[in-house]
Amino acid sequence: MSSRKLVCNITGKTLHAAKQYYDKKIEKAGSEEALHSSYICRDARALLKKGYNVQQIRDALNVSDKFVSTITDEDAKSLSNTSSLRLNNDNQNTIGIIKTDPDVKKFIENILSDE
């Protein structure tokens, strides 16, 4: 097993991963080689989900020109799981209906009818 040091393929930032985290990432990626070739750091992933491309991310995070990104815009988008981006839908007017236990419903009706 090689080093548990992960290098972001966009920014060049390194992460010294704990064994448990590293093993979980390998399991998700399928292999250690796949993990190292597809790793994107948290900061870069967040910007990808906001729609930034690789060059915009490098500019925003002040990445040195000495580090050459090994990933294309298309690869980065597929790796960032942009389809799972959660959108806030505050403008939807949905009303939740709460169903209560029949005994509780009967109790509430009795209280309201007594008044």
Protein backbone atom coordinates (compact mmCIF):
# COMPACT_ATOMS: atom_id res chain seq x y z
CA MET A 1 0.00 0.00 0.00
CA SER A 2 1.38 3.39 -0.92
CA SER A 3 1.11 6.61 1.07
CA ARG A 4 -2.26 7.75 2.38
CA LYS A 5 -1.45 11.21 1.07
CA LEU A 6 -4.08 12.33 -1.43
CA VAL A 7 -3.29 15.11 -3.91
CA CYS A 8 -6.14 17.10 -5.41
CA ASN A 9 -6.07 16.75 -9.18
CA ILE A 10 -7.24 20.35 -9.63
CA THR A 11 -5.44 22.37 -6.96
CA GLY A 12 -2.50 20.20 -5.95
CA LYS A 13 -3.50 20.49 -2.28
CA THR A 14 -2.47 17.47 -0.24
CA LEU A 15 -4.52 15.65 2.35
CA HIS A 16 -2.92 13.24 4.79
CA ALA A 17 -5.87 10.91 5.28
CA ALA A 18 -6.58 8.83 8.36
CA LYS A 19 -6.55 5.09 7.68
CA GLN A 20 -10.30 4.64 8.15
CA TYR A 21 -11.14 7.58 5.85
CA TYR A 22 -8.60 6.43 3.27
CA ASP A 23 -9.96 2.87 3.26
CA LYS A 24 -13.51 4.19 2.86
CA LYS A 25 -12.43 6.33 -0.11
CA ILE A 26 -10.65 3.37 -1.75
CA GLU A 27 -13.77 1.25 -1.35
CA LYS A 28 -15.88 3.95 -2.98
CA ALA A 29 -13.41 4.55 -5.83
CA GLY A 30 -12.87 0.86 -6.50
CA SER A 31 -9.08 0.85 -6.25
CA GLU A 32 -6.23 2.84 -4.80
CA GLU A 33 -5.11 3.91 -8.26
CA ALA A 34 -8.62 5.08 -9.16
CA LEU A 35 -8.79 7.07 -5.93
CA HIS A 36 -5.51 8.88 -6.59
CA SER A 37 -6.42 9.63 -10.20
CA SER A 38 -9.86 11.00 -9.33
CA TYR A 39 -9.36 12.75 -5.97
CA ILE A 40 -10.71 16.32 -5.78
CA CYS A 41 -10.36 18.29 -2.54
CA ARG A 42 -13.36 19.69 -0.69
CA ASP A 43 -12.80 23.33 -1.73
CA ALA A 44 -12.53 22.44 -5.42
CA ARG A 45 -15.52 20.08 -5.25
CA ALA A 46 -17.68 22.82 -3.68
CA LEU A 47 -16.81 25.21 -6.51
CA LEU A 48 -17.47 22.51 -9.12
CA LYS A 49 -20.94 22.04 -7.68
CA LYS A 50 -21.51 25.77 -8.04
CA GLY A 51 -20.73 25.52 -11.74
CA TYR A 52 -17.11 26.69 -11.90
CA ASN A 53 -14.78 25.11 -14.45
CA VAL A 54 -11.27 23.86 -13.64
CA GLN A 55 -9.51 27.10 -14.58
CA GLN A 56 -11.97 29.25 -12.61
CA ILE A 57 -11.43 27.04 -9.57
CA ARG A 58 -7.66 27.34 -9.91
CA ASP A 59 -7.99 31.13 -10.13
CA ALA A 60 -10.40 31.36 -7.19
CA LEU A 61 -8.19 29.20 -4.96
CA ASN A 62 -4.95 30.89 -6.06
CA VAL A 63 -3.35 27.71 -7.37
CA SER A 64 0.28 28.04 -8.44
CA ASP A 65 0.96 27.80 -12.16
CA LYS A 66 3.68 25.28 -11.30
CA PHE A 67 1.01 22.65 -10.54
CA VAL A 68 -0.49 21.26 -13.74
CA SER A 69 -4.03 19.99 -13.36
CA THR A 70 -4.42 16.38 -14.46
CA ILE A 71 -8.16 16.59 -14.96
CA THR A 72 -10.40 18.05 -17.67
CA ASP A 73 -13.58 20.06 -17.13
CA GLU A 74 -15.74 17.13 -18.29
CA ASP A 75 -13.97 14.67 -15.98
CA ALA A 76 -14.24 17.08 -13.07
CA LYS A 77 -17.97 17.54 -13.55
CA SER A 78 -18.58 13.81 -13.68
CA LEU A 79 -16.44 13.24 -10.57
CA SER A 80 -18.10 16.00 -8.57
CA ASN A 81 -21.54 14.36 -8.75
CA THR A 82 -23.20 17.60 -9.77
CA SER A 83 -26.46 15.72 -10.27
CA SER A 84 -26.73 15.32 -6.51
CA LEU A 85 -26.66 19.06 -5.87
CA ARG A 86 -29.45 20.00 -3.55
CA LEU A 87 -31.38 23.09 -4.50
CA ASN A 88 -33.21 25.19 -1.98
CA ASN A 89 -36.79 25.53 -3.08
CA ASP A 90 -37.98 28.17 -0.63
CA ASN A 91 -40.53 29.56 -3.04
CA GLN A 92 -42.62 26.37 -3.12
CA ASN A 93 -45.76 26.61 -1.06
CA THR A 94 -46.33 23.06 0.06
CA ILE A 95 -48.43 22.19 3.05
CA GLY A 96 -47.68 19.11 5.06
CA ILE A 97 -50.58 17.03 6.24
CA ILE A 98 -50.09 15.38 9.57
CA LYS A 99 -52.17 12.33 10.25
CA THR A 100 -52.69 11.59 13.88
CA ASP A 101 -53.59 8.51 15.81
CA PRO A 102 -57.41 7.88 15.69
CA ASP A 103 -57.60 7.91 19.51
CA VAL A 104 -55.84 11.26 19.66
CA LYS A 105 -58.12 12.63 16.95
CA LYS A 106 -61.18 11.52 18.93
CA PHE A 107 -59.74 13.09 22.12
CA ILE A 108 -59.13 16.40 20.35
CA GLU A 109 -62.67 16.39 18.90
CA ASN A 110 -64.10 15.75 22.37
CA ILE A 111 -62.15 18.65 23.86
CA LEU A 112 -63.18 20.99 21.07
CA SER A 113 -66.85 19.99 21.28
CA ASP A 114 -66.94 20.58 25.06
CA GLU A 115 -66.04 24.23 24.67
